[in-house]
Structures are given as structure tokens and as C-alpha cells.
Amino acid sequence: MDIIKPFDKTVKELVINDFILEKGTINDIDELENLYDKLNEYFELGTNYPGWAKGLYPIRETAVNGIQNNSLFVLKVNNEIAGSIILNHEPETAYDQVTWGIEADYKDVIVIHTLVVHPKYMKNGIGEELMNFAKRYSIEQRIKTIRLDVSIHNTPAISLYEKCGYKYVETVDLGLNVPGLVWFKLYELALLDTNVRVDNDCG
């Protein structure tokens, strides 16, 4: 197993200000698969906050499906994929169990999936930038609200989402039938809320 060398934190400003954020293409699939594997190897060596596993999730098919559905975006630093996010209109079944802040058909809702940051680029603002993009993209698409789910054990992600203004809705069982991955917190950013500022990023 390769040891991940952290990106030089002294160049944080370069990382978050000198990047390309674009839709993923078939040319990115191999690199995304490698990113997913590196990330899961990283979790194996420490605390596996999201409860993911190499070969189970996320995997190559995750990238393929996201790209085929035109919903996967990549953030590149120096032409290398530092992070990725999937934005679509496909909720988990358990989303129907709760009362959301905004009532809307899912054609008017963006659901965030598979937010990943390469271990090499962690703690350099990549996750925040991807979340900022998700908000800007949703506003441009005239989306009413953004929703997501996160494992109750994934405290770093929960902190990020709350920092970005997402409001806790409820905790549900997503029915994954995976040990340790039962309860997930649901969060929402209601873009119709007059208190949500378009220019208010979470970084």
C-alpha cells in the first residue's frame, strides 16, 4: 500500500485559488477510480468516518454512472483530480420518511452524493470549494433546495455541512444492510429561504 504524502500545507492559498472545476469526462474515470481507492486505503489506516470500503463504495462504477448521467464534477489542481462531487436529483428511499423544510418535486431538488477529497489534498479547502460549487450550481439551475445524507459517525463531514449552512432535518435508517452503516443524518439547504445568501460561501 502506497503511503500518501500530504500536500504541502504552506501552499493552501494556491490550492484553493488556482484550480479548475468542471464536469467529469470518460478521460477522468481511471483517475477517479484511483482516487476512490487511495481514499479508502487512507480510511483503513485511520478512522473510517464515512464507513466506506475499497471495492464496495465508491468504486469505478460510481464514476462511470456519474459521468454518463452528466452529474459528476471534478476539481483539478495542477491537472490532477483533487476532489469530486456528484449532483443529481436522485434521493434515497428513506428521504420520503421525513418532512423537509421545503416541499418540492425532485426535479427541483439537488441531492449531493460522493463528495470526495484525495488524501494528498485534505485540509486545503477542497471540500469547502466543492460545497460552494454545489450551491452556486444549484442556484444557477433554479433549484429550490439541496439535500444530503451523512453517516452519524462522519463528524468531519457533518462539521463541514453545518459550516456551509445546512440544517439538520432528521436521522434515518437508509436500509443499506451494512454493519455500522445504519443511521444517517439528513441535511438541507433551502435556497428559497430568504436568510440564505447567494454570495455567502462556507470557506
N, C-alpha and C. Protein backbone atom coordinates (compact mmCIF):
# COMPACT_ATOMS: atom_id res chain seq x y z
N MET A 1 0.84 -1.20 0.00
CA MET A 1 0.00 0.00 0.00
C MET A 1 0.87 1.25 0.00
N ASP A 2 0.65 2.13 -0.96
CA ASP A 2 1.43 3.36 -1.03
C ASP A 2 1.08 4.28 0.13
N ILE A 3 2.10 4.95 0.65
CA ILE A 3 1.87 5.94 1.70
C ILE A 3 1.56 7.27 1.03
N ILE A 4 0.46 7.88 1.43
CA ILE A 4 0.05 9.15 0.85
C ILE A 4 0.87 10.28 1.47
N LYS A 5 1.54 11.03 0.64
CA LYS A 5 2.27 12.19 1.12
C LYS A 5 1.35 13.41 1.09
N PRO A 6 1.08 14.03 2.25
CA PRO A 6 0.18 15.18 2.28
C PRO A 6 0.69 16.32 1.39
N PHE A 7 -0.26 17.04 0.81
CA PHE A 7 0.10 18.21 0.01
C PHE A 7 0.67 19.26 0.94
N ASP A 8 1.65 19.99 0.48
CA ASP A 8 2.32 21.00 1.30
C ASP A 8 1.31 22.04 1.76
N LYS A 9 1.02 22.06 3.05
CA LYS A 9 0.00 22.96 3.56
C LYS A 9 0.40 24.43 3.45
N THR A 10 1.66 24.70 3.16
CA THR A 10 2.09 26.09 3.00
C THR A 10 1.57 26.68 1.69
N VAL A 11 1.04 25.85 0.82
CA VAL A 11 0.53 26.36 -0.45
C VAL A 11 -1.00 26.27 -0.49
N LYS A 12 -1.62 26.36 0.68
CA LYS A 12 -3.07 26.27 0.76
C LYS A 12 -3.75 27.29 -0.14
N GLU A 13 -3.27 28.52 -0.12
CA GLU A 13 -3.91 29.56 -0.93
C GLU A 13 -3.82 29.23 -2.42
N LEU A 14 -2.71 28.61 -2.84
CA LEU A 14 -2.59 28.21 -4.23
C LEU A 14 -3.62 27.14 -4.55
N VAL A 15 -3.78 26.20 -3.65
CA VAL A 15 -4.69 25.09 -3.87
C VAL A 15 -6.12 25.58 -4.08
N ILE A 16 -6.59 26.48 -3.22
CA ILE A 16 -7.99 26.86 -3.29
C ILE A 16 -8.26 28.00 -4.27
N ASN A 17 -7.21 28.62 -4.80
CA ASN A 17 -7.42 29.73 -5.72
C ASN A 17 -6.98 29.43 -7.14
N ASP A 18 -6.18 28.41 -7.34
CA ASP A 18 -5.67 28.09 -8.66
C ASP A 18 -6.09 26.67 -9.01
N PHE A 19 -7.34 26.53 -9.49
CA PHE A 19 -7.86 25.22 -9.78
C PHE A 19 -8.85 25.31 -10.93
N ILE A 20 -9.23 24.14 -11.44
CA ILE A 20 -10.26 24.03 -12.47
C ILE A 20 -11.37 23.14 -11.92
N LEU A 21 -12.62 23.59 -12.01
CA LEU A 21 -13.75 22.78 -11.58
C LEU A 21 -14.65 22.60 -12.79
N GLU A 22 -14.79 21.36 -13.22
CA GLU A 22 -15.51 21.08 -14.47
C GLU A 22 -16.23 19.75 -14.39
N LYS A 23 -17.10 19.49 -15.36
CA LYS A 23 -17.77 18.20 -15.41
C LYS A 23 -16.76 17.11 -15.75
N GLY A 24 -16.92 15.98 -15.10
CA GLY A 24 -16.03 14.86 -15.38
C GLY A 24 -16.32 14.27 -16.75
N THR A 25 -15.30 13.69 -17.36
CA THR A 25 -15.43 13.04 -18.66
C THR A 25 -14.91 11.60 -18.56
N ILE A 26 -15.11 10.85 -19.63
CA ILE A 26 -14.63 9.47 -19.62
C ILE A 26 -13.12 9.41 -19.42
N ASN A 27 -12.42 10.48 -19.76
CA ASN A 27 -10.96 10.50 -19.57
C ASN A 27 -10.57 10.58 -18.10
N ASP A 28 -11.54 10.91 -17.23
CA ASP A 28 -11.25 11.03 -15.80
C ASP A 28 -11.54 9.75 -15.03
N ILE A 29 -12.14 8.76 -15.66
CA ILE A 29 -12.61 7.58 -14.93
C ILE A 29 -11.48 6.83 -14.23
N ASP A 30 -10.39 6.57 -14.92
CA ASP A 30 -9.28 5.84 -14.30
C ASP A 30 -8.74 6.59 -13.09
N GLU A 31 -8.60 7.90 -13.22
CA GLU A 31 -8.05 8.70 -12.13
C GLU A 31 -9.02 8.75 -10.95
N LEU A 32 -10.31 8.82 -11.25
CA LEU A 32 -11.31 8.82 -10.18
C LEU A 32 -11.31 7.49 -9.44
N GLU A 33 -11.20 6.39 -10.17
CA GLU A 33 -11.12 5.08 -9.52
C GLU A 33 -9.92 5.02 -8.60
N ASN A 34 -8.80 5.54 -9.04
CA ASN A 34 -7.59 5.57 -8.22
C ASN A 34 -7.79 6.44 -6.98
N LEU A 35 -8.47 7.58 -7.16
CA LEU A 35 -8.74 8.46 -6.02
C LEU A 35 -9.61 7.73 -5.00
N TYR A 36 -10.66 7.08 -5.46
CA TYR A 36 -11.53 6.34 -4.53
C TYR A 36 -10.73 5.29 -3.76
N ASP A 37 -9.86 4.56 -4.45
CA ASP A 37 -9.07 3.52 -3.79
C ASP A 37 -8.10 4.12 -2.78
N LYS A 38 -7.42 5.21 -3.16
CA LYS A 38 -6.48 5.87 -2.25
C LYS A 38 -7.21 6.38 -1.01
N LEU A 39 -8.40 6.93 -1.21
CA LEU A 39 -9.16 7.46 -0.08
C LEU A 39 -9.57 6.35 0.87
N ASN A 40 -10.03 5.22 0.34
CA ASN A 40 -10.43 4.12 1.20
C ASN A 40 -9.24 3.48 1.91
N GLU A 41 -8.07 3.45 1.24
CA GLU A 41 -6.86 2.97 1.89
C GLU A 41 -6.48 3.89 3.05
N TYR A 42 -6.67 5.18 2.83
CA TYR A 42 -6.39 6.18 3.87
C TYR A 42 -7.29 5.96 5.08
N PHE A 43 -8.58 5.70 4.82
CA PHE A 43 -9.51 5.45 5.91
C PHE A 43 -9.16 4.16 6.66
N GLU A 44 -8.67 3.16 5.93
CA GLU A 44 -8.30 1.89 6.56
C GLU A 44 -7.18 2.07 7.57
N LEU A 45 -6.31 3.03 7.33
CA LEU A 45 -5.16 3.27 8.19
C LEU A 45 -5.49 4.13 9.40
N GLY A 46 -6.65 4.78 9.36
CA GLY A 46 -7.03 5.67 10.46
C GLY A 46 -8.47 5.44 10.88
N THR A 47 -9.22 6.53 10.97
CA THR A 47 -10.63 6.44 11.34
C THR A 47 -11.48 6.49 10.08
N ASN A 48 -12.30 5.47 9.90
CA ASN A 48 -13.14 5.40 8.70
C ASN A 48 -14.46 6.11 8.98
N TYR A 49 -14.41 7.44 8.93
CA TYR A 49 -15.58 8.24 9.26
C TYR A 49 -16.82 7.91 8.40
N PRO A 50 -16.68 7.81 7.07
CA PRO A 50 -17.89 7.55 6.27
C PRO A 50 -18.33 6.09 6.26
N GLY A 51 -17.44 5.17 6.70
CA GLY A 51 -17.79 3.76 6.69
C GLY A 51 -17.67 3.12 5.32
N TRP A 52 -16.93 3.73 4.42
CA TRP A 52 -16.74 3.20 3.07
C TRP A 52 -15.71 2.08 3.09
N ALA A 53 -15.63 1.32 1.99
CA ALA A 53 -14.68 0.23 1.90
C ALA A 53 -14.20 0.08 0.46
N LYS A 54 -12.91 -0.15 0.31
CA LYS A 54 -12.33 -0.34 -1.02
C LYS A 54 -13.00 -1.53 -1.71
N GLY A 55 -13.40 -1.31 -2.94
CA GLY A 55 -14.05 -2.36 -3.70
C GLY A 55 -15.56 -2.42 -3.51
N LEU A 56 -16.07 -1.68 -2.52
CA LEU A 56 -17.50 -1.66 -2.26
C LEU A 56 -18.12 -0.31 -2.61
N TYR A 57 -17.52 0.76 -2.08
CA TYR A 57 -18.01 2.12 -2.36
C TYR A 57 -17.02 3.14 -1.81
N PRO A 58 -16.78 4.20 -2.59
CA PRO A 58 -17.13 4.34 -4.01
C PRO A 58 -16.20 3.51 -4.88
N ILE A 59 -16.67 3.15 -6.07
CA ILE A 59 -15.90 2.31 -6.97
C ILE A 59 -15.94 2.89 -8.38
N ARG A 60 -15.26 2.21 -9.29
CA ARG A 60 -15.20 2.69 -10.68
C ARG A 60 -16.59 2.97 -11.25
N GLU A 61 -17.54 2.07 -10.98
CA GLU A 61 -18.89 2.24 -11.50
C GLU A 61 -19.55 3.52 -10.98
N THR A 62 -19.15 3.95 -9.78
CA THR A 62 -19.67 5.21 -9.24
C THR A 62 -19.31 6.36 -10.16
N ALA A 63 -18.06 6.38 -10.60
CA ALA A 63 -17.59 7.42 -11.51
C ALA A 63 -18.23 7.28 -12.89
N VAL A 64 -18.29 6.05 -13.38
CA VAL A 64 -18.87 5.81 -14.71
C VAL A 64 -20.31 6.29 -14.75
N ASN A 65 -21.10 5.91 -13.75
CA ASN A 65 -22.51 6.30 -13.73
C ASN A 65 -22.67 7.81 -13.62
N GLY A 66 -21.84 8.43 -12.75
CA GLY A 66 -21.93 9.88 -12.59
C GLY A 66 -21.61 10.63 -13.86
N ILE A 67 -20.61 10.14 -14.58
CA ILE A 67 -20.22 10.79 -15.84
C ILE A 67 -21.25 10.53 -16.93
N GLN A 68 -21.75 9.31 -17.02
CA GLN A 68 -22.76 9.00 -18.02
C GLN A 68 -24.04 9.81 -17.79
N ASN A 69 -24.34 10.09 -16.53
CA ASN A 69 -25.55 10.85 -16.20
C ASN A 69 -25.30 12.36 -16.17
N ASN A 70 -24.08 12.75 -16.53
CA ASN A 70 -23.76 14.18 -16.64
C ASN A 70 -23.89 14.90 -15.29
N SER A 71 -23.57 14.17 -14.20
CA SER A 71 -23.80 14.74 -12.87
C SER A 71 -22.55 14.74 -11.99
N LEU A 72 -21.42 14.29 -12.52
CA LEU A 72 -20.19 14.23 -11.74
C LEU A 72 -19.27 15.38 -12.12
N PHE A 73 -18.73 16.04 -11.10
CA PHE A 73 -17.84 17.18 -11.31
C PHE A 73 -16.50 16.90 -10.63
N VAL A 74 -15.44 17.41 -11.22
CA VAL A 74 -14.10 17.22 -10.67
C VAL A 74 -13.43 18.56 -10.43
N LEU A 75 -12.68 18.63 -9.36
CA LEU A 75 -11.86 19.81 -9.07
C LEU A 75 -10.41 19.39 -9.27
N LYS A 76 -9.73 20.06 -10.20
CA LYS A 76 -8.35 19.70 -10.54
C LYS A 76 -7.37 20.78 -10.11
N VAL A 77 -6.28 20.34 -9.51
CA VAL A 77 -5.17 21.21 -9.15
C VAL A 77 -3.95 20.71 -9.91
N ASN A 78 -3.34 21.58 -10.68
CA ASN A 78 -2.19 21.18 -11.50
C ASN A 78 -2.53 19.97 -12.37
N ASN A 79 -3.75 19.98 -12.93
CA ASN A 79 -4.24 18.94 -13.83
C ASN A 79 -4.41 17.58 -13.15
N GLU A 80 -4.47 17.58 -11.82
CA GLU A 80 -4.68 16.35 -11.05
C GLU A 80 -6.01 16.48 -10.30
N ILE A 81 -6.81 15.43 -10.30
CA ILE A 81 -8.09 15.48 -9.60
C ILE A 81 -7.85 15.47 -8.09
N ALA A 82 -8.20 16.59 -7.45
CA ALA A 82 -8.04 16.72 -6.00
C ALA A 82 -9.32 16.39 -5.27
N GLY A 83 -10.45 16.47 -5.97
CA GLY A 83 -11.73 16.17 -5.34
C GLY A 83 -12.82 16.03 -6.37
N SER A 84 -13.96 15.50 -5.93
CA SER A 84 -15.07 15.28 -6.85
C SER A 84 -16.38 15.28 -6.08
N ILE A 85 -17.47 15.54 -6.82
CA ILE A 85 -18.79 15.55 -6.21
C ILE A 85 -19.81 15.15 -7.27
N ILE A 86 -20.88 14.48 -6.86
CA ILE A 86 -21.97 14.12 -7.75
C ILE A 86 -23.22 14.89 -7.32
N LEU A 87 -23.84 15.57 -8.27
CA LEU A 87 -25.04 16.37 -8.01
C LEU A 87 -26.15 15.89 -8.94
N ASN A 88 -27.17 15.28 -8.37
CA ASN A 88 -28.26 14.81 -9.21
C ASN A 88 -29.60 15.00 -8.52
N HIS A 89 -30.64 14.39 -9.05
CA HIS A 89 -31.99 14.53 -8.50
C HIS A 89 -32.49 13.20 -7.94
N GLU A 90 -31.57 12.37 -7.44
CA GLU A 90 -31.91 11.00 -7.04
C GLU A 90 -31.74 10.81 -5.53
N PRO A 91 -32.83 10.89 -4.79
CA PRO A 91 -32.77 10.72 -3.33
C PRO A 91 -32.76 9.25 -2.94
N GLU A 92 -32.33 8.98 -1.72
CA GLU A 92 -32.51 7.66 -1.14
C GLU A 92 -34.00 7.49 -0.80
N THR A 93 -34.46 6.26 -0.79
CA THR A 93 -35.87 5.98 -0.49
C THR A 93 -36.27 6.55 0.86
N ALA A 94 -35.37 6.49 1.82
CA ALA A 94 -35.66 6.96 3.19
C ALA A 94 -35.94 8.46 3.25
N TYR A 95 -35.58 9.20 2.22
CA TYR A 95 -35.86 10.63 2.22
C TYR A 95 -37.36 10.91 2.29
N ASP A 96 -38.17 9.95 1.84
CA ASP A 96 -39.62 10.14 1.85
C ASP A 96 -40.22 9.98 3.24
N GLN A 97 -39.40 9.55 4.20
CA GLN A 97 -39.91 9.31 5.55
C GLN A 97 -39.99 10.58 6.39
N VAL A 98 -39.38 11.66 5.93
CA VAL A 98 -39.26 12.85 6.77
C VAL A 98 -39.97 14.04 6.14
N THR A 99 -40.15 15.06 6.96
CA THR A 99 -40.73 16.32 6.50
C THR A 99 -39.60 17.31 6.29
N TRP A 100 -39.36 17.68 5.05
CA TRP A 100 -38.27 18.61 4.72
C TRP A 100 -38.73 20.05 4.90
N GLY A 101 -37.78 20.94 4.98
CA GLY A 101 -38.11 22.36 5.15
C GLY A 101 -38.81 22.95 3.94
N ILE A 102 -38.46 22.43 2.76
CA ILE A 102 -39.06 22.90 1.52
C ILE A 102 -39.74 21.72 0.83
N GLU A 103 -41.02 21.86 0.53
CA GLU A 103 -41.71 20.84 -0.24
C GLU A 103 -41.44 21.07 -1.71
N ALA A 104 -40.91 20.06 -2.38
CA ALA A 104 -40.55 20.22 -3.79
C ALA A 104 -40.45 18.88 -4.48
N ASP A 105 -40.78 18.86 -5.74
CA ASP A 105 -40.56 17.70 -6.58
C ASP A 105 -39.05 17.56 -6.79
N TYR A 106 -38.58 16.33 -6.96
CA TYR A 106 -37.13 16.15 -7.04
C TYR A 106 -36.50 16.70 -8.32
N LYS A 107 -37.30 17.11 -9.27
CA LYS A 107 -36.72 17.84 -10.42
C LYS A 107 -36.25 19.22 -9.99
N ASP A 108 -36.74 19.68 -8.83
CA ASP A 108 -36.36 20.99 -8.29
C ASP A 108 -35.44 20.85 -7.07
N VAL A 109 -34.91 19.64 -6.87
CA VAL A 109 -34.04 19.37 -5.72
C VAL A 109 -32.72 18.79 -6.22
N ILE A 110 -31.62 19.30 -5.70
CA ILE A 110 -30.31 18.70 -5.96
C ILE A 110 -29.95 17.85 -4.75
N VAL A 111 -29.51 16.62 -5.00
CA VAL A 111 -29.03 15.73 -3.95
C VAL A 111 -27.53 15.55 -4.12
N ILE A 112 -26.79 15.76 -3.05
CA ILE A 112 -25.33 15.63 -3.08
C ILE A 112 -24.94 14.19 -2.76
N HIS A 113 -24.08 13.63 -3.61
CA HIS A 113 -23.56 12.28 -3.40
C HIS A 113 -22.03 12.28 -3.58
N THR A 114 -21.38 11.36 -2.91
CA THR A 114 -19.97 11.01 -3.17
C THR A 114 -19.06 12.24 -3.24
N LEU A 115 -19.10 13.02 -2.17
CA LEU A 115 -18.15 14.12 -2.02
C LEU A 115 -16.83 13.52 -1.55
N VAL A 116 -15.79 13.62 -2.38
CA VAL A 116 -14.50 13.01 -2.05
C VAL A 116 -13.37 14.01 -2.23
N VAL A 117 -12.35 13.87 -1.39
CA VAL A 117 -11.13 14.66 -1.50
C VAL A 117 -9.95 13.70 -1.42
N HIS A 118 -9.03 13.81 -2.37
CA HIS A 118 -7.84 12.96 -2.34
C HIS A 118 -7.07 13.23 -1.05
N PRO A 119 -6.60 12.18 -0.36
CA PRO A 119 -5.86 12.37 0.89
C PRO A 119 -4.71 13.37 0.76
N LYS A 120 -4.09 13.41 -0.38
CA LYS A 120 -2.98 14.33 -0.62
C LYS A 120 -3.39 15.78 -0.47
N TYR A 121 -4.67 16.06 -0.72
CA TYR A 121 -5.15 17.44 -0.71
C TYR A 121 -6.06 17.76 0.47
N MET A 122 -6.17 16.88 1.43
CA MET A 122 -7.03 17.14 2.57
C MET A 122 -6.55 18.35 3.37
N LYS A 123 -7.51 19.03 4.01
CA LYS A 123 -7.26 20.21 4.84
C LYS A 123 -6.69 21.37 4.04
N ASN A 124 -7.06 21.44 2.78
CA ASN A 124 -6.65 22.55 1.93
C ASN A 124 -7.83 23.25 1.28
N GLY A 125 -9.03 23.08 1.83
CA GLY A 125 -10.18 23.80 1.34
C GLY A 125 -10.89 23.19 0.16
N ILE A 126 -10.51 21.97 -0.24
CA ILE A 126 -11.12 21.34 -1.40
C ILE A 126 -12.60 21.01 -1.14
N GLY A 127 -12.88 20.42 0.02
CA GLY A 127 -14.26 20.08 0.35
C GLY A 127 -15.15 21.31 0.39
N GLU A 128 -14.65 22.39 0.99
CA GLU A 128 -15.42 23.63 1.05
C GLU A 128 -15.71 24.16 -0.34
N GLU A 129 -14.70 24.10 -1.21
CA GLU A 129 -14.88 24.64 -2.56
C GLU A 129 -15.91 23.82 -3.34
N LEU A 130 -15.90 22.51 -3.16
CA LEU A 130 -16.89 21.66 -3.82
C LEU A 130 -18.30 21.95 -3.30
N MET A 131 -18.43 22.19 -2.01
CA MET A 131 -19.73 22.54 -1.45
C MET A 131 -20.19 23.91 -1.92
N ASN A 132 -19.26 24.86 -2.02
CA ASN A 132 -19.61 26.17 -2.55
C ASN A 132 -20.10 26.05 -3.99
N PHE A 133 -19.42 25.20 -4.76
CA PHE A 133 -19.82 24.99 -6.15
C PHE A 133 -21.22 24.39 -6.22
N ALA A 134 -21.50 23.41 -5.35
CA ALA A 134 -22.82 22.77 -5.36
C ALA A 134 -23.91 23.81 -5.15
N LYS A 135 -23.66 24.75 -4.28
CA LYS A 135 -24.65 25.80 -4.02
C LYS A 135 -24.80 26.72 -5.22
N ARG A 136 -23.68 27.18 -5.77
CA ARG A 136 -23.75 28.07 -6.93
C ARG A 136 -24.41 27.39 -8.12
N TYR A 137 -24.04 26.15 -8.36
CA TYR A 137 -24.61 25.38 -9.46
C TYR A 137 -26.12 25.24 -9.29
N SER A 138 -26.56 24.93 -8.08
CA SER A 138 -27.98 24.75 -7.81
C SER A 138 -28.75 26.04 -8.02
N ILE A 139 -28.17 27.14 -7.61
CA ILE A 139 -28.83 28.44 -7.80
C ILE A 139 -28.95 28.76 -9.29
N GLU A 140 -27.90 28.48 -10.03
CA GLU A 140 -27.93 28.72 -11.48
C GLU A 140 -29.00 27.86 -12.16
N GLN A 141 -29.23 26.65 -11.62
CA GLN A 141 -30.23 25.75 -12.18
C GLN A 141 -31.63 26.03 -11.63
N ARG A 142 -31.75 27.08 -10.82
CA ARG A 142 -33.03 27.47 -10.21
C ARG A 142 -33.63 26.35 -9.36
N ILE A 143 -32.74 25.70 -8.65
CA ILE A 143 -33.13 24.63 -7.73
C ILE A 143 -33.70 25.24 -6.45
N LYS A 144 -34.69 24.59 -5.87
CA LYS A 144 -35.33 25.12 -4.67
C LYS A 144 -34.59 24.77 -3.38
N THR A 145 -33.96 23.60 -3.37
CA THR A 145 -33.31 23.16 -2.14
C THR A 145 -32.26 22.09 -2.46
N ILE A 146 -31.27 21.96 -1.59
CA ILE A 146 -30.22 20.94 -1.72
C ILE A 146 -30.33 20.00 -0.52
N ARG A 147 -30.23 18.71 -0.77
CA ARG A 147 -30.34 17.73 0.31
C ARG A 147 -29.17 16.75 0.27
N LEU A 148 -28.89 16.16 1.42
CA LEU A 148 -27.82 15.16 1.50
C LEU A 148 -28.02 14.30 2.73
N ASP A 149 -27.33 13.17 2.74
CA ASP A 149 -27.31 12.32 3.93
C ASP A 149 -25.87 12.05 4.31
N VAL A 150 -25.63 11.82 5.58
CA VAL A 150 -24.27 11.59 6.08
C VAL A 150 -24.33 10.66 7.28
N SER A 151 -23.42 9.70 7.34
CA SER A 151 -23.37 8.78 8.46
C SER A 151 -23.20 9.55 9.77
N ILE A 152 -23.88 9.09 10.81
CA ILE A 152 -23.78 9.75 12.11
C ILE A 152 -22.36 9.72 12.64
N HIS A 153 -21.52 8.82 12.10
CA HIS A 153 -20.13 8.70 12.56
C HIS A 153 -19.18 9.64 11.81
N ASN A 154 -19.66 10.25 10.74
CA ASN A 154 -18.79 11.06 9.88
C ASN A 154 -18.75 12.50 10.38
N THR A 155 -18.12 12.69 11.53
CA THR A 155 -18.11 14.00 12.17
C THR A 155 -17.42 15.10 11.35
N PRO A 156 -16.33 14.81 10.61
CA PRO A 156 -15.74 15.88 9.80
C PRO A 156 -16.70 16.39 8.73
N ALA A 157 -17.41 15.49 8.06
CA ALA A 157 -18.36 15.90 7.03
C ALA A 157 -19.52 16.66 7.64
N ILE A 158 -20.01 16.21 8.79
CA ILE A 158 -21.11 16.90 9.47
C ILE A 158 -20.70 18.33 9.81
N SER A 159 -19.48 18.49 10.30
CA SER A 159 -18.99 19.84 10.63
C SER A 159 -18.94 20.72 9.39
N LEU A 160 -18.49 20.14 8.27
CA LEU A 160 -18.42 20.89 7.02
C LEU A 160 -19.81 21.34 6.57
N TYR A 161 -20.76 20.42 6.58
CA TYR A 161 -22.11 20.75 6.11
C TYR A 161 -22.75 21.83 6.98
N GLU A 162 -22.56 21.72 8.28
CA GLU A 162 -23.14 22.73 9.17
C GLU A 162 -22.44 24.07 8.99
N LYS A 163 -21.16 24.05 8.73
CA LYS A 163 -20.41 25.28 8.45
C LYS A 163 -20.94 25.95 7.19
N CYS A 164 -21.41 25.13 6.24
CA CYS A 164 -21.92 25.64 4.97
C CYS A 164 -23.39 26.06 5.06
N GLY A 165 -23.97 25.97 6.24
CA GLY A 165 -25.33 26.46 6.44
C GLY A 165 -26.43 25.42 6.30
N TYR A 166 -26.07 24.15 6.14
CA TYR A 166 -27.08 23.11 6.02
C TYR A 166 -27.74 22.86 7.37
N LYS A 167 -29.05 22.64 7.33
CA LYS A 167 -29.83 22.45 8.55
C LYS A 167 -30.19 20.98 8.74
N TYR A 168 -29.99 20.50 9.95
CA TYR A 168 -30.34 19.11 10.28
C TYR A 168 -31.85 18.92 10.18
N VAL A 169 -32.26 17.81 9.57
CA VAL A 169 -33.68 17.52 9.40
C VAL A 169 -34.11 16.36 10.29
N GLU A 170 -33.46 15.21 10.14
CA GLU A 170 -33.83 14.03 10.92
C GLU A 170 -32.77 12.95 10.71
N THR A 171 -32.76 11.95 11.59
CA THR A 171 -31.87 10.81 11.45
C THR A 171 -32.69 9.60 11.02
N VAL A 172 -32.22 8.91 9.96
CA VAL A 172 -32.99 7.80 9.40
C VAL A 172 -32.08 6.60 9.11
N ASP A 173 -32.70 5.45 8.96
CA ASP A 173 -32.03 4.24 8.51
C ASP A 173 -32.17 4.20 6.99
N LEU A 174 -31.06 4.22 6.26
CA LEU A 174 -31.13 4.20 4.80
C LEU A 174 -31.36 2.80 4.24
N GLY A 175 -31.36 1.80 5.10
CA GLY A 175 -31.63 0.44 4.65
C GLY A 175 -30.52 -0.16 3.81
N LEU A 176 -29.27 0.19 4.12
CA LEU A 176 -28.14 -0.29 3.33
C LEU A 176 -27.75 -1.73 3.66
N ASN A 177 -28.17 -2.20 4.83
CA ASN A 177 -27.82 -3.55 5.29
C ASN A 177 -26.30 -3.76 5.35
N VAL A 178 -25.62 -2.71 5.82
CA VAL A 178 -24.16 -2.76 6.01
C VAL A 178 -23.88 -2.52 7.49
N PRO A 179 -23.19 -3.45 8.17
CA PRO A 179 -22.89 -3.27 9.59
C PRO A 179 -22.18 -1.94 9.84
N GLY A 180 -22.66 -1.19 10.82
CA GLY A 180 -22.05 0.08 11.15
C GLY A 180 -22.55 1.24 10.32
N LEU A 181 -23.32 0.94 9.27
CA LEU A 181 -23.87 2.00 8.41
C LEU A 181 -25.39 1.90 8.41
N VAL A 182 -25.96 2.23 9.56
CA VAL A 182 -27.41 2.15 9.69
C VAL A 182 -28.03 3.55 9.74
N TRP A 183 -27.53 4.38 10.65
CA TRP A 183 -28.16 5.66 10.88
C TRP A 183 -27.43 6.79 10.16
N PHE A 184 -28.22 7.58 9.46
CA PHE A 184 -27.70 8.71 8.69
C PHE A 184 -28.48 9.98 9.04
N LYS A 185 -27.74 11.06 9.17
CA LYS A 185 -28.37 12.36 9.37
C LYS A 185 -28.73 12.95 8.01
N LEU A 186 -29.91 13.53 7.92
CA LEU A 186 -30.33 14.22 6.71
C LEU A 186 -30.20 15.72 6.93
N TYR A 187 -29.65 16.39 5.91
CA TYR A 187 -29.45 17.85 5.97
C TYR A 187 -30.03 18.49 4.73
N GLU A 188 -30.38 19.77 4.88
CA GLU A 188 -30.97 20.51 3.77
C GLU A 188 -30.50 21.96 3.78
N LEU A 189 -30.27 22.49 2.57
CA LEU A 189 -30.01 23.92 2.40
C LEU A 189 -31.12 24.45 1.51
N ALA A 190 -32.07 25.15 2.13
CA ALA A 190 -33.25 25.64 1.42
C ALA A 190 -32.89 26.93 0.70
N LEU A 191 -32.78 26.86 -0.61
CA LEU A 191 -32.37 28.02 -1.39
C LEU A 191 -33.48 29.05 -1.52
N LEU A 192 -34.71 28.66 -1.18
CA LEU A 192 -35.82 29.62 -1.19
C LEU A 192 -35.90 30.42 0.11
N ASP A 193 -35.10 29.99 1.08
CA ASP A 193 -35.06 30.68 2.37
C ASP A 193 -34.44 32.06 2.17
N THR A 194 -35.12 33.09 2.58
CA THR A 194 -34.61 34.46 2.39
C THR A 194 -33.35 34.73 3.21
N ASN A 195 -33.08 33.85 4.19
CA ASN A 195 -31.87 34.03 5.01
C ASN A 195 -30.63 33.42 4.35
N VAL A 196 -30.81 32.68 3.25
CA VAL A 196 -29.69 32.07 2.54
C VAL A 196 -29.13 33.06 1.53
N ARG A 197 -27.91 33.48 1.72
CA ARG A 197 -27.28 34.45 0.83
C ARG A 197 -26.58 33.72 -0.32
N VAL A 198 -26.81 34.20 -1.53
CA VAL A 198 -26.18 33.59 -2.70
C VAL A 198 -24.67 33.72 -2.63
N ASP A 199 -24.19 34.83 -2.10
CA ASP A 199 -22.75 35.10 -2.11
C ASP A 199 -22.06 34.67 -0.81
N ASN A 200 -22.76 33.93 0.02
CA ASN A 200 -22.20 33.53 1.31
C ASN A 200 -21.64 32.12 1.23
N ASP A 201 -20.33 32.00 0.94
CA ASP A 201 -19.70 30.70 0.84
C ASP A 201 -19.39 30.15 2.24
N CYS A 202 -19.01 28.87 2.28
CA CYS A 202 -18.77 28.24 3.58
C CYS A 202 -17.29 28.17 3.94
N GLY A 203 -16.41 28.71 3.10
CA GLY A 203 -14.99 28.64 3.39
C GLY A 203 -14.55 29.62 4.44
